[in-house]
């Protein structure tokens, strides 16, 4: 199981529950045709949960993968059993005498669901990641090999294709934007290898953010465990309104906090994976800032709604376009902007090449302009997002050369720099030698003479290390980065640099 630590408490762990090898899946054989679903239920007394489950079970599948070690013996490490554990002797006896590289097969179990009778199946990327073979088991016990059509690691989605000899029972997507907190939902999947398991709960929250750039999870207390990954979350109309992806748990088991990718985000991505084998996200080439009361007042707005255009990336879709630095964006394609994370997600979810209405405030006047998102190429977009390039001639990665990023020029901290800015001898890091007025760096209060000691909690000593670390964070989907900065007198401060 892969886990990601959240914040500081060690006990708070988000488990992206990749199913381990376990029990064979067993599910009840059900008719292919689905029963008529009742109108949207407000209480459980309005519907029969058993009737809904019976109609949906045939559309949910179990997914297993195998991964072979390479000819050189490359494989996952053998189990590391802590000293003093009950099965320590067993493992020592089992592997005793085995030396050198070994090639072993590993299997894991996850969940998925059929969205097209011809054999299109949706699951999580982490369920099938690094698989050599993928096998799908249906509710009647039949199995088929699956072909991988495409994956999107940003949202942890994957699409598979099987070739059945008859039409398969498919489910359809609902509109997750209409889901209300407190509404009943049903999860079906393969927890711990127990295929065809049905759990019931409510929507606990919406719009949850964890660790991804486009996170907008539905939170539910319907029991989701190891092996439920990739399975559907249904509303009481029998529509898929989420794909179960993660849980928050101290032990890896359900404690009633599960997260599902909403259909409003997933459906467009799945369509793209089916058609193109990859996602086609858009971008508009701007960096945005959160609108504080002071910033709103300075830009002529009455309240701190929306996000402000901090800068426009040279050569990007908005370069020379209708947006200007200082504009406050209130909505994009009719969707209100509440935080800096909203705009990149709305742009990415939209169609590339189609003009979109953007409501803005400029000099205190509310107006609507049009912006046309362009295709975000990855990983090339990582370098484009940096916008600025090294100011000196030569290789950008050559130590000793200054580097320009986000309106600040970085240089190695040498004796001349220490003397010029009277920097304390105990300070180590990368010198900020120049800061452009109105740049992202200036907006964060960075000034010449300050020294960057850490980027994202990693120590840096050269301008190239700062640049490389920021590129790495952008490639991971980060939209801001923390900088530990030392002022000339040695005072340490934390700055948050927006990477948009």
Protein backbone atom coordinates (compact mmCIF):
# COMPACT_ATOMS: atom_id res chain seq x y z
CA UNK A 1 0.00 0.00 0.00
CA UNK A 2 1.30 3.44 -0.89
CA UNK A 3 0.81 6.09 1.79
CA UNK A 4 1.24 9.85 1.80
CA UNK A 5 1.74 11.76 5.03
CA UNK A 6 -0.57 14.69 5.54
CA UNK A 7 0.60 17.71 7.53
CA UNK A 8 2.60 16.88 10.61
CA UNK A 9 0.84 14.19 12.70
CA UNK A 10 2.33 10.83 11.79
CA UNK A 11 -0.96 9.06 12.45
CA UNK A 12 -2.74 10.98 9.67
CA UNK A 13 -2.04 8.99 6.55
CA UNK A 14 -3.78 9.15 3.21
CA UNK A 15 -3.74 5.65 1.79
CA UNK A 16 -3.91 5.37 -1.97
CA UNK A 17 -5.03 1.83 -1.51
CA UNK A 18 -3.30 -0.28 -4.11
CA UNK A 19 -4.78 -3.70 -3.52
CA UNK A 20 -2.34 -6.42 -2.61
CA UNK A 21 -2.56 -10.07 -3.55
CA UNK A 22 -5.48 -11.63 -1.80
CA UNK A 23 -8.68 -13.60 -2.11
CA UNK A 24 -10.27 -14.54 -5.41
CA UNK A 25 -13.17 -12.28 -6.34
CA UNK A 26 -16.66 -13.70 -5.86
CA UNK A 27 -19.84 -11.94 -6.93
CA UNK A 28 -23.47 -12.87 -7.53
CA UNK A 29 -24.52 -13.40 -11.16
CA UNK A 30 -27.06 -10.73 -12.11
CA UNK A 31 -29.05 -9.99 -15.26
CA UNK A 32 -27.38 -7.75 -17.85
CA UNK A 33 -30.31 -5.34 -18.03
CA UNK A 34 -30.64 -2.78 -15.25
CA UNK A 35 -33.92 -2.23 -13.43
CA UNK A 36 -35.62 1.12 -13.61
CA UNK A 37 -34.17 3.43 -10.98
CA UNK A 38 -36.46 5.57 -8.86
CA UNK A 39 -36.38 9.35 -8.88
CA UNK A 40 -33.69 10.98 -6.75
CA UNK A 41 -34.20 9.68 -3.25
CA UNK A 42 -34.16 12.03 -0.30
CA UNK A 43 -34.28 9.29 2.34
CA UNK A 44 -33.54 5.57 2.32
CA UNK A 45 -37.23 4.86 2.83
CA UNK A 46 -37.83 6.15 -0.69
CA UNK A 47 -35.86 3.35 -2.36
CA UNK A 48 -34.75 -0.22 -2.02
CA UNK A 49 -30.97 -0.28 -1.64
CA UNK A 50 -31.04 -3.97 -2.53
CA UNK A 51 -32.79 -3.25 -5.85
CA UNK A 52 -30.24 -0.56 -6.75
CA UNK A 53 -27.28 -2.77 -5.80
CA UNK A 54 -28.66 -5.74 -7.73
CA UNK A 55 -28.83 -3.71 -10.91
CA UNK A 56 -25.34 -2.21 -10.52
CA UNK A 57 -23.25 -5.19 -9.40
CA UNK A 58 -22.78 -6.69 -12.91
CA UNK A 59 -21.17 -3.43 -14.10
CA UNK A 60 -18.45 -3.42 -11.42
CA UNK A 61 -15.37 -5.54 -12.10
CA UNK A 62 -12.30 -6.74 -10.27
CA UNK A 63 -8.90 -5.94 -11.71
CA UNK A 64 -5.70 -7.89 -11.14
CA UNK A 65 -2.26 -7.22 -12.57
CA UNK A 66 1.01 -9.09 -12.83
CA UNK A 67 4.46 -7.62 -12.95
CA UNK A 68 7.46 -9.62 -14.06
CA UNK A 69 11.04 -8.97 -12.95
CA UNK A 70 13.37 -8.21 -15.86
CA UNK A 71 15.98 -10.58 -17.25
CA UNK A 72 18.57 -8.98 -15.03
CA UNK A 73 16.56 -9.84 -11.96
CA UNK A 74 15.09 -6.38 -11.48
CA UNK A 75 12.12 -6.75 -9.18
CA UNK A 76 10.47 -5.29 -6.11
CA UNK A 77 12.34 -5.91 -2.83
CA UNK A 78 11.42 -8.96 -0.77
CA UNK A 79 9.37 -8.39 2.38
CA UNK A 80 11.28 -6.74 5.21
CA UNK A 81 9.88 -8.19 8.43
CA UNK A 82 10.80 -6.16 11.56
CA UNK A 83 12.75 -7.97 14.23
CA UNK A 84 10.58 -9.62 16.87
CA UNK A 85 7.48 -9.94 14.68
CA UNK A 86 5.49 -13.25 14.86
CA UNK A 87 6.38 -14.33 11.30
CA UNK A 88 10.05 -13.42 11.41
CA UNK A 89 11.23 -17.07 11.57
CA UNK A 90 8.85 -18.11 8.81
CA UNK A 91 10.24 -15.53 6.40
CA UNK A 92 13.84 -16.36 7.31
CA UNK A 93 13.21 -20.07 6.62
CA UNK A 94 11.38 -19.36 3.37
CA UNK A 95 14.09 -17.18 1.84
CA UNK A 96 17.07 -18.92 3.43
CA UNK A 97 19.70 -19.89 0.88
CA UNK A 98 18.33 -17.70 -1.91
CA UNK A 99 21.09 -15.46 -3.17
CA UNK A 100 21.54 -13.17 -6.12
CA UNK A 101 18.86 -11.51 -8.24
CA UNK A 102 15.43 -13.16 -8.45
CA UNK A 103 12.60 -12.69 -10.91
CA UNK A 104 9.21 -12.94 -9.21
CA UNK A 105 5.62 -12.27 -10.24
CA UNK A 106 3.47 -9.92 -8.19
CA UNK A 107 -0.30 -9.60 -8.40
CA UNK A 108 -2.62 -6.98 -6.98
CA UNK A 109 -6.37 -6.55 -6.91
CA UNK A 110 -8.35 -3.40 -7.48
CA UNK A 111 -11.74 -2.33 -8.80
CA UNK A 112 -13.19 -0.84 -11.95
CA UNK A 113 -16.49 -0.32 -13.75
CA UNK A 114 -17.85 -0.68 -17.27
CA UNK A 115 -18.89 2.53 -19.05
CA UNK A 116 -19.48 1.14 -22.54
CA UNK A 117 -21.02 -2.20 -23.59
CA UNK A 118 -18.17 -2.70 -26.08
CA UNK A 119 -15.73 -3.15 -23.17
CA UNK A 120 -14.48 0.25 -21.97
CA UNK A 121 -13.56 0.08 -18.26
CA UNK A 122 -12.48 2.82 -15.86
CA UNK A 123 -10.14 2.33 -12.90
CA UNK A 124 -7.34 4.13 -11.03
CA UNK A 125 -3.90 4.62 -12.49
CA UNK A 126 -2.25 3.35 -9.31
CA UNK A 127 -4.18 0.05 -9.62
CA UNK A 128 -2.55 -0.84 -12.97
CA UNK A 129 0.68 1.16 -12.74
CA UNK A 130 3.77 -0.78 -13.93
CA UNK A 131 1.62 -3.77 -14.91
CA UNK A 132 2.87 -6.22 -17.51
CA UNK A 133 -0.53 -7.88 -17.83
CA UNK A 134 -3.99 -6.73 -16.73
CA UNK A 135 -6.87 -9.13 -16.13
CA UNK A 136 -10.52 -8.19 -15.56
CA UNK A 137 -12.87 -10.48 -13.63
CA UNK A 138 -16.61 -9.98 -14.10
CA UNK A 139 -19.43 -10.67 -11.66
CA UNK A 140 -20.18 -14.06 -13.27
CA UNK A 141 -16.59 -15.18 -12.72
CA UNK A 142 -15.49 -14.80 -16.35
CA UNK A 143 -12.10 -13.21 -16.97
CA UNK A 144 -10.65 -11.28 -19.91
CA UNK A 145 -7.26 -9.75 -20.62
CA UNK A 146 -7.37 -5.96 -20.83
CA UNK A 147 -5.54 -3.46 -22.98
CA UNK A 148 -4.49 -0.14 -21.45
CA UNK A 149 -5.92 2.75 -23.49
CA UNK A 150 -4.46 5.59 -21.46
CA UNK A 151 -3.68 6.99 -18.01
CA UNK A 152 -3.70 10.37 -16.32
CA UNK A 153 -1.47 10.43 -13.26
CA UNK A 154 -2.58 13.95 -12.30
CA UNK A 155 -6.05 12.66 -11.43
CA UNK A 156 -5.08 8.99 -10.92
CA UNK A 157 -7.40 7.71 -13.66
CA UNK A 158 -6.90 4.93 -16.21
CA UNK A 159 -9.03 3.50 -19.01
CA UNK A 160 -8.93 -0.16 -20.12
CA UNK A 161 -10.42 -2.06 -23.07
CA UNK A 162 -11.53 -5.69 -23.20
CA UNK A 163 -12.97 -7.60 -26.14
CA UNK A 164 -16.14 -9.39 -24.96
CA UNK A 165 -18.17 -11.79 -27.06
CA UNK A 166 -21.40 -10.07 -26.04
CA UNK A 167 -22.42 -6.55 -24.92
CA UNK A 168 -21.48 -5.80 -21.32
CA UNK A 169 -23.73 -4.13 -18.70
CA UNK A 170 -22.57 -0.53 -18.51
CA UNK A 171 -23.31 2.31 -16.10
CA UNK A 172 -23.54 5.98 -16.89
CA UNK A 173 -22.10 9.08 -15.24
CA UNK A 174 -24.19 11.48 -13.22
CA UNK A 175 -23.49 15.15 -12.55
CA UNK A 176 -21.40 15.42 -9.39
CA UNK A 177 -22.00 19.18 -9.33
CA UNK A 178 -25.57 18.46 -8.25
CA UNK A 179 -24.52 16.25 -5.34
CA UNK A 180 -25.41 17.69 -1.95
CA UNK A 181 -23.64 17.16 1.35
CA UNK A 182 -25.64 14.61 3.32
CA UNK A 183 -26.95 12.81 0.23
CA UNK A 184 -26.87 9.00 0.26
CA UNK A 185 -24.23 7.28 -1.90
CA UNK A 186 -23.20 3.67 -2.55
CA UNK A 187 -19.72 2.25 -3.16
CA UNK A 188 -19.19 -1.10 -4.89
CA UNK A 189 -15.80 -2.73 -5.24
CA UNK A 190 -13.25 -5.32 -4.27
CA UNK A 191 -12.06 -4.56 -0.71
CA UNK A 192 -9.32 -6.95 0.41
CA UNK A 193 -10.12 -9.18 -2.58
CA UNK A 194 -13.78 -9.60 -1.59
CA UNK A 195 -15.38 -8.83 -4.94
CA UNK A 196 -18.89 -7.47 -5.28
CA UNK A 197 -18.90 -5.74 -1.88
CA UNK A 198 -21.51 -3.01 -1.40
CA UNK A 199 -21.24 -0.23 1.19
CA UNK A 200 -23.53 2.68 1.90
CA UNK A 201 -22.93 6.16 3.33
CA UNK A 202 -23.42 9.83 2.70
CA UNK A 203 -21.50 12.64 1.03
CA UNK A 204 -19.52 14.15 3.88
CA UNK A 205 -17.96 17.07 2.01
CA UNK A 206 -17.14 18.36 -1.46
CA UNK A 207 -14.16 20.09 -3.02
CA UNK A 208 -11.54 18.37 -0.86
CA UNK A 209 -7.89 18.98 -1.82
CA UNK A 210 -5.12 16.51 -0.97
CA UNK A 211 -1.90 16.52 -2.98
CA UNK A 212 -2.74 16.95 -6.66
CA UNK A 213 -2.97 20.08 -8.83
CA UNK A 214 -6.55 19.34 -9.93
CA UNK A 215 -7.92 17.81 -6.72
CA UNK A 216 -11.63 18.37 -6.15
CA UNK A 217 -12.56 15.21 -4.25
CA UNK A 218 -15.93 14.12 -2.95
CA UNK A 219 -15.55 12.97 0.66
CA UNK A 220 -17.76 10.12 1.83
CA UNK A 221 -18.20 7.92 4.90
CA UNK A 222 -19.23 4.92 2.77
CA UNK A 223 -16.67 2.27 3.72
CA UNK A 224 -13.77 2.30 1.24
CA UNK A 225 -10.83 0.00 1.89
CA UNK A 226 -7.76 -1.46 0.25
CA UNK A 227 -8.98 -2.89 -3.05
CA UNK A 228 -11.84 -0.39 -3.57
CA UNK A 229 -9.50 1.77 -5.67
CA UNK A 230 -10.97 2.46 -9.08
CA UNK A 231 -14.47 1.40 -8.08
CA UNK A 232 -17.53 3.60 -8.57
CA UNK A 233 -19.38 5.80 -6.10
CA UNK A 234 -23.08 5.84 -7.06
CA UNK A 235 -25.91 8.20 -6.23
CA UNK A 236 -29.32 6.78 -5.49
CA UNK A 237 -30.26 7.08 -9.17
CA UNK A 238 -27.62 4.45 -9.96
CA UNK A 239 -25.34 7.01 -11.65
CA UNK A 240 -21.57 7.18 -11.13
CA UNK A 241 -20.77 10.47 -9.44
CA UNK A 242 -17.23 9.54 -8.31
CA UNK A 243 -14.32 7.12 -8.68
CA UNK A 244 -13.05 5.88 -5.30
CA UNK A 245 -9.38 6.73 -5.04
CA UNK A 246 -8.07 7.40 -1.54
CA UNK A 247 -8.76 7.13 2.18
CA UNK A 248 -7.55 8.99 5.23
CA UNK A 249 -6.54 6.42 7.82
CA UNK A 250 -3.94 5.73 10.52
CA UNK A 251 -3.83 2.03 9.61
CA UNK A 252 -4.86 1.70 5.96
CA UNK A 253 -8.39 0.54 6.84
CA UNK A 254 -11.58 2.54 6.57
CA UNK A 255 -12.38 5.00 9.36
CA UNK A 256 -15.15 6.68 7.40
CA UNK A 257 -13.08 9.22 5.48
CA UNK A 258 -12.84 8.28 1.80
CA UNK A 259 -12.25 10.36 -1.30
CA UNK A 260 -13.61 10.00 -4.82
CA UNK A 261 -12.68 11.79 -8.04
CA UNK A 262 -15.91 13.60 -9.03
CA UNK A 263 -17.56 12.80 -12.34
CA UNK A 264 -17.44 16.46 -13.36
CA UNK A 265 -13.64 16.12 -13.52
CA UNK A 266 -13.33 12.46 -14.50
CA UNK A 267 -15.78 12.28 -17.41
CA UNK A 268 -13.91 14.71 -19.66
CA UNK A 269 -10.55 13.10 -18.86
CA UNK A 270 -11.91 9.62 -19.59
CA UNK A 271 -13.30 10.79 -22.94
CA UNK A 272 -9.87 12.16 -23.85
CA UNK A 273 -8.09 8.96 -22.81
CA UNK A 274 -10.45 6.92 -24.97
CA UNK A 275 -10.07 9.21 -27.98
CA UNK A 276 -6.42 10.29 -27.77
CA UNK A 277 -4.77 7.93 -25.28
CA UNK A 278 -3.72 10.96 -23.22
CA UNK A 279 -5.18 14.09 -21.69
CA UNK A 280 -5.35 17.36 -23.59
CA UNK A 281 -5.35 20.01 -20.88
CA UNK A 282 -5.48 23.66 -21.64
CA UNK A 283 -3.62 26.62 -20.19
CA UNK A 284 -3.91 30.37 -20.63
CA UNK A 285 -0.37 31.40 -19.70
CA UNK A 286 -0.82 33.58 -16.63
CA UNK A 287 0.35 33.55 -13.04
CA UNK A 288 -2.37 34.31 -10.50
CA UNK A 289 -2.32 35.71 -6.99
CA UNK A 290 -4.77 35.39 -4.13
CA UNK A 291 -6.75 38.60 -3.67
CA UNK A 292 -6.33 40.07 -0.21
CA UNK A 293 -8.37 43.02 1.06
CA UNK A 294 -5.42 45.33 0.45
CA UNK A 295 -4.80 44.01 -3.07
CA UNK A 296 -8.51 44.27 -3.94
CA UNK A 297 -8.57 47.89 -2.79
CA UNK A 298 -5.42 48.73 -4.76
CA UNK A 299 -6.93 47.23 -7.93
CA UNK A 300 -10.22 49.03 -7.55
CA UNK A 301 -12.36 46.09 -6.45
CA UNK A 302 -14.95 46.29 -3.71
CA UNK A 303 -14.26 42.86 -2.18
CA UNK A 304 -11.45 40.26 -2.31
CA UNK A 305 -13.26 37.82 -4.64
CA UNK A 306 -11.56 35.94 -7.46
CA UNK A 307 -7.87 35.85 -8.29
CA UNK A 308 -5.57 38.54 -9.63
CA UNK A 309 -3.43 38.27 -12.76
CA UNK A 310 0.06 38.64 -11.30
CA UNK A 311 1.93 38.32 -14.59
CA UNK A 312 1.44 37.11 -18.14
CA UNK A 313 3.87 34.49 -19.43
CA UNK A 314 5.75 35.65 -22.48
CA UNK A 315 4.80 33.62 -25.53
CA UNK A 316 1.81 32.06 -23.75
CA UNK A 317 -1.83 32.10 -24.86
CA UNK A 318 -2.56 35.38 -23.04
CA UNK A 319 0.51 37.23 -24.30
CA UNK A 320 -0.93 40.18 -26.24
CA UNK A 321 -4.46 39.02 -25.50
CA UNK A 322 -7.43 40.43 -23.65
CA UNK A 323 -6.13 39.86 -20.10
CA UNK A 324 -3.82 42.37 -18.44
CA UNK A 325 -1.69 42.28 -15.33
CA UNK A 326 -3.76 43.49 -12.38
CA UNK A 327 -7.05 42.16 -13.72
CA UNK A 328 -9.14 40.33 -11.12
CA UNK A 329 -10.72 37.19 -12.60
CA UNK A 330 -14.14 36.51 -11.04
CA UNK A 331 -15.32 33.60 -13.20
CA UNK A 332 -14.15 31.37 -16.03
CA UNK A 333 -16.73 29.99 -18.46
CA UNK A 334 -19.46 30.78 -15.95
CA UNK A 335 -17.72 29.04 -13.03
CA UNK A 336 -16.93 31.34 -10.07
CA UNK A 337 -13.29 31.53 -8.96
CA UNK A 338 -12.88 31.26 -5.20
CA UNK A 339 -9.17 30.42 -4.87
CA UNK A 340 -5.97 30.36 -6.99
CA UNK A 341 -6.41 26.57 -7.37
CA UNK A 342 -9.78 26.94 -9.10
CA UNK A 343 -8.64 28.69 -12.27
CA UNK A 344 -6.00 26.12 -13.43
CA UNK A 345 -8.52 23.32 -12.81
CA UNK A 346 -11.32 25.02 -14.75
CA UNK A 347 -8.97 25.81 -17.63
CA UNK A 348 -7.62 22.24 -17.67
CA UNK A 349 -11.14 20.78 -17.71
CA UNK A 350 -12.29 22.96 -20.60
CA UNK A 351 -11.90 22.37 -24.32
CA UNK A 352 -8.67 23.46 -25.96
CA UNK A 353 -9.03 26.01 -28.76
CA UNK A 354 -12.53 27.20 -27.88
CA UNK A 355 -12.98 30.87 -26.81
CA UNK A 356 -14.26 31.18 -23.24
CA UNK A 357 -15.97 34.08 -21.49
CA UNK A 358 -13.96 35.37 -18.53
CA UNK A 359 -15.53 37.85 -16.13
CA UNK A 360 -13.01 40.32 -14.73
CA UNK A 361 -12.68 43.53 -12.77
CA UNK A 362 -10.33 46.10 -14.33
CA UNK A 363 -9.76 49.48 -12.71
CA UNK A 364 -12.92 48.99 -10.68
CA UNK A 365 -15.08 48.20 -13.72
CA UNK A 366 -16.67 44.77 -14.18
CA UNK A 367 -16.46 43.42 -17.75
CA UNK A 368 -16.35 40.19 -19.74
CA UNK A 369 -13.49 39.29 -22.08
CA UNK A 370 -12.75 36.19 -24.12
CA UNK A 371 -9.73 33.93 -23.67
CA UNK A 372 -8.80 30.89 -25.78
CA UNK A 373 -6.95 28.13 -23.89
CA UNK A 374 -4.15 26.40 -25.77
CA UNK A 375 -2.87 22.86 -25.39
CA UNK A 376 -0.63 22.42 -22.35
CA UNK A 377 2.29 20.32 -23.57
CA UNK A 378 4.02 18.27 -20.89
CA UNK A 379 6.78 18.18 -19.78
CA UNK A 380 7.70 21.14 -22.00
CA UNK A 381 5.14 23.23 -20.15
CA UNK A 382 7.25 23.00 -17.01
CA UNK A 383 9.96 25.09 -18.63
CA UNK A 384 7.42 27.43 -20.24
CA UNK A 385 5.81 28.07 -16.88
CA UNK A 386 9.11 29.42 -15.59
CA UNK A 387 8.90 32.04 -18.35
CA UNK A 388 12.24 33.70 -17.61
CA UNK A 389 15.54 32.19 -18.70
CA UNK A 390 19.09 32.55 -17.34
CA UNK A 391 20.41 36.04 -17.99
CA UNK A 392 24.01 35.05 -18.69
CA UNK A 393 25.31 33.35 -21.78
CA UNK A 394 26.07 29.64 -21.57
CA UNK A 395 24.35 26.55 -20.26
CA UNK A 396 21.55 27.18 -17.77
CA UNK A 397 22.80 24.33 -15.62
CA UNK A 398 26.41 25.52 -15.49
CA UNK A 399 27.36 26.36 -11.88
CA UNK A 400 28.35 29.98 -11.33
CA UNK A 401 25.97 31.55 -13.84
CA UNK A 402 23.13 33.72 -12.53
CA UNK A 403 19.56 32.57 -13.11
CA UNK A 404 16.38 34.66 -13.47
CA UNK A 405 13.12 33.23 -12.10
CA UNK A 406 9.81 34.92 -11.38
CA UNK A 407 11.35 38.38 -11.62
CA UNK A 408 14.33 37.74 -9.35
CA UNK A 409 17.96 37.24 -10.39
CA UNK A 410 19.83 34.63 -8.37
CA UNK A 411 23.60 34.49 -7.94
CA UNK A 412 26.06 32.48 -5.90
CA UNK A 413 26.72 33.92 -2.46
CA UNK A 414 30.39 34.96 -2.62
CA UNK A 415 32.56 37.38 -0.66
CA UNK A 416 31.58 40.31 -2.89
CA UNK A 417 27.89 39.68 -2.27
CA UNK A 418 28.42 39.36 1.48
CA UNK A 419 30.30 42.67 1.52
CA UNK A 420 27.81 44.50 -0.71
CA UNK A 421 24.77 43.57 1.39
CA UNK A 422 26.61 43.15 4.72
CA UNK A 423 25.38 39.57 5.00
CA UNK A 424 26.14 37.68 8.20
CA UNK A 425 28.99 35.19 7.81
CA UNK A 426 26.91 32.31 9.14
CA UNK A 427 24.30 32.58 6.36
CA UNK A 428 24.51 30.04 3.50
CA UNK A 429 22.40 29.73 0.38
CA UNK A 430 21.72 31.58 -2.88
CA UNK A 431 21.82 35.37 -3.14
CA UNK A 432 18.93 37.37 -4.58
CA UNK A 433 20.79 40.11 -6.48
CA UNK A 434 17.89 41.77 -8.33
CA UNK A 435 14.09 41.85 -8.11
CA UNK A 436 11.87 43.30 -10.82
CA UNK A 437 9.14 45.66 -9.70
CA UNK A 438 5.69 44.11 -10.02
CA UNK A 439 7.03 40.58 -10.46
CA UNK A 440 5.89 37.49 -8.57
CA UNK A 441 9.04 37.68 -6.45
CA UNK A 442 8.36 41.31 -5.57
CA UNK A 443 4.75 40.51 -4.70
CA UNK A 444 6.03 37.99 -2.11
CA UNK A 445 8.26 40.62 -0.49
CA UNK A 446 11.55 39.23 -1.81
CA UNK A 447 14.28 41.86 -2.07
CA UNK A 448 17.92 42.12 -3.18
CA UNK A 449 20.28 41.05 -0.42
CA UNK A 450 18.06 38.26 0.83
CA UNK A 451 19.46 34.71 0.69
CA UNK A 452 17.38 31.65 -0.25
CA UNK A 453 18.43 28.87 2.13
CA UNK A 454 15.77 26.26 1.30
CA UNK A 455 13.29 25.56 -1.50
CA UNK A 456 10.44 23.28 -0.47
CA UNK A 457 12.39 22.31 2.67
CA UNK A 458 15.46 21.27 0.64
CA UNK A 459 18.71 23.20 1.17
CA UNK A 460 20.13 24.97 -1.90
CA UNK A 461 23.60 26.38 -2.55
CA UNK A 462 23.57 27.39 -6.24
CA UNK A 463 21.12 29.24 -8.51
CA UNK A 464 20.84 26.09 -10.62
CA UNK A 465 19.68 24.08 -7.60
CA UNK A 466 16.91 26.63 -6.96
CA UNK A 467 15.78 26.38 -10.57
CA UNK A 468 15.93 22.57 -10.65
CA UNK A 469 13.99 22.25 -7.41
CA UNK A 470 11.24 24.57 -8.66
CA UNK A 471 11.03 22.66 -11.97
CA UNK A 472 10.68 19.43 -9.99
CA UNK A 473 7.85 20.87 -7.88
CA UNK A 474 6.01 22.14 -10.96
CA UNK A 475 6.31 18.71 -12.59
CA UNK A 476 4.67 17.25 -9.45
CA UNK A 477 1.71 19.58 -9.95
CA UNK A 478 2.61 22.12 -7.27
CA UNK A 479 1.28 25.64 -7.75
CA UNK A 480 3.26 27.31 -4.98
CA UNK A 481 6.50 26.66 -3.14
CA UNK A 482 7.78 27.66 0.28
CA UNK A 483 11.14 29.43 0.45
CA UNK A 484 13.17 29.78 3.62
CA UNK A 485 14.86 33.15 3.19
CA UNK A 486 17.53 34.75 5.36
CA UNK A 487 17.64 38.52 5.65
CA UNK A 488 21.12 40.15 5.74
CA UNK A 489 21.08 40.29 9.57
CA UNK A 490 20.40 36.54 9.78
CA UNK A 491 16.65 36.66 10.46
CA UNK A 492 14.89 33.68 8.85
CA UNK A 493 11.48 34.15 7.21
CA UNK A 494 9.22 31.84 5.18
CA UNK A 495 7.94 33.10 1.82
CA UNK A 496 5.39 31.38 -0.42
CA UNK A 497 6.13 31.85 -4.12
CA UNK A 498 3.15 31.27 -6.45
CA UNK A 499 4.23 29.13 -9.41
CA UNK A 500 1.36 30.05 -11.75
